[in-house]
C-alpha atoms as a PDB file:
ATOM      1  CA  UNK A   1     -16.383   2.023   0.204  1.00  0.00           C
ATOM      2  CA  UNK A   2     -17.667   2.753  -3.302  1.00  0.00           C
ATOM      3  CA  UNK A   3     -16.320   6.320  -3.131  1.00  0.00           C
ATOM      4  CA  UNK A   4     -12.727   5.064  -2.929  1.00  0.00           C
ATOM      5  CA  UNK A   5     -10.710   5.673  -6.066  1.00  0.00           C
ATOM      6  CA  UNK A   6     -10.591   2.442  -8.090  1.00  0.00           C
ATOM      7  CA  UNK A   7      -7.530   3.450 -10.090  1.00  0.00           C
ATOM      8  CA  UNK A   8      -4.636   1.111  -9.085  1.00  0.00           C
ATOM      9  CA  UNK A   9      -2.091   3.807  -9.996  1.00  0.00           C
ATOM     10  CA  UNK A  10      -3.457   6.044  -7.241  1.00  0.00           C
ATOM     11  CA  UNK A  11      -2.967   3.222  -4.729  1.00  0.00           C
ATOM     12  CA  UNK A  12       0.511   2.479  -6.091  1.00  0.00           C
ATOM     13  CA  UNK A  13       1.518   6.141  -5.734  1.00  0.00           C
ATOM     14  CA  UNK A  14       0.146   6.202  -2.171  1.00  0.00           C
ATOM     15  CA  UNK A  15       2.246   3.135  -1.307  1.00  0.00           C
ATOM     16  CA  UNK A  16       5.375   4.723  -2.808  1.00  0.00           C
ATOM     17  CA  UNK A  17       4.812   7.996  -0.941  1.00  0.00           C
ATOM     18  CA  UNK A  18       4.120   6.210   2.356  1.00  0.00           C
ATOM     19  CA  UNK A  19       7.181   4.011   1.866  1.00  0.00           C
ATOM     20  CA  UNK A  20       9.315   7.101   1.210  1.00  0.00           C
ATOM     21  CA  UNK A  21       7.985   8.838   4.340  1.00  0.00           C
ATOM     22  CA  UNK A  22       8.655   5.715   6.428  1.00  0.00           C
ATOM     23  CA  UNK A  23      12.220   5.507   5.090  1.00  0.00           C
ATOM     24  CA  UNK A  24      12.813   9.207   5.798  1.00  0.00           C
ATOM     25  CA  UNK A  25      11.619   8.776   9.398  1.00  0.00           C
ATOM     26  CA  UNK A  26      13.573   5.536   9.862  1.00  0.00           C
ATOM     27  CA  UNK A  27      10.404   3.620  10.682  1.00  0.00           C
ATOM     28  CA  UNK A  28      11.109   1.003   8.007  1.00  0.00           C
ATOM     29  CA  UNK A  29      14.198  -0.189   9.898  1.00  0.00           C
ATOM     30  CA  UNK A  30      11.926  -1.319  12.726  1.00  0.00           C
ATOM     31  CA  UNK A  31       9.659  -3.293  10.381  1.00  0.00           C
ATOM     32  CA  UNK A  32      10.739  -6.777   9.302  1.00  0.00           C
ATOM     33  CA  UNK A  33      10.633  -7.422   5.542  1.00  0.00           C
ATOM     34  CA  UNK A  34       7.780  -9.945   5.862  1.00  0.00           C
ATOM     35  CA  UNK A  35       5.552  -7.364   7.551  1.00  0.00           C
ATOM     36  CA  UNK A  36       6.070  -5.053   4.560  1.00  0.00           C
ATOM     37  CA  UNK A  37       5.283  -7.963   2.241  1.00  0.00           C
ATOM     38  CA  UNK A  38       2.065  -8.693   4.146  1.00  0.00           C
ATOM     39  CA  UNK A  39       0.996  -5.045   3.883  1.00  0.00           C
ATOM     40  CA  UNK A  40       1.683  -4.996   0.134  1.00  0.00           C
ATOM     41  CA  UNK A  41      -0.177  -8.298  -0.338  1.00  0.00           C
ATOM     42  CA  UNK A  42      -3.168  -6.886   1.556  1.00  0.00           C
ATOM     43  CA  UNK A  43      -3.147  -3.738  -0.595  1.00  0.00           C
ATOM     44  CA  UNK A  44      -3.057  -5.811  -3.787  1.00  0.00           C
ATOM     45  CA  UNK A  45      -5.995  -7.851  -2.461  1.00  0.00           C
ATOM     46  CA  UNK A  46      -7.953  -4.648  -1.763  1.00  0.00           C
ATOM     47  CA  UNK A  47      -7.135  -3.251  -5.229  1.00  0.00           C
ATOM     48  CA  UNK A  48      -8.315  -6.486  -6.859  1.00  0.00           C
ATOM     49  CA  UNK A  49     -11.592  -6.372  -4.915  1.00  0.00           C
ATOM     50  CA  UNK A  50     -12.143  -2.745  -5.912  1.00  0.00           C
ATOM     51  CA  UNK A  51     -11.490  -3.539  -9.569  1.00  0.00           C
ATOM     52  CA  UNK A  52     -14.058  -6.366  -9.526  1.00  0.00           C
ATOM     53  CA  UNK A  53     -16.874  -4.062  -8.359  1.00  0.00           C
END
């Protein structure tokens, strides 16, 4: 896990790109808002853990 990029901006860009791809494919319409919120919360948690190392 140490090899993962610890820069939060890289993670943020990945989230934006994935979100854009999901919207383009219409996948987002099938996901409730709270599921998206849970995913974002989990990502933030991961980023915080990486930054503490």
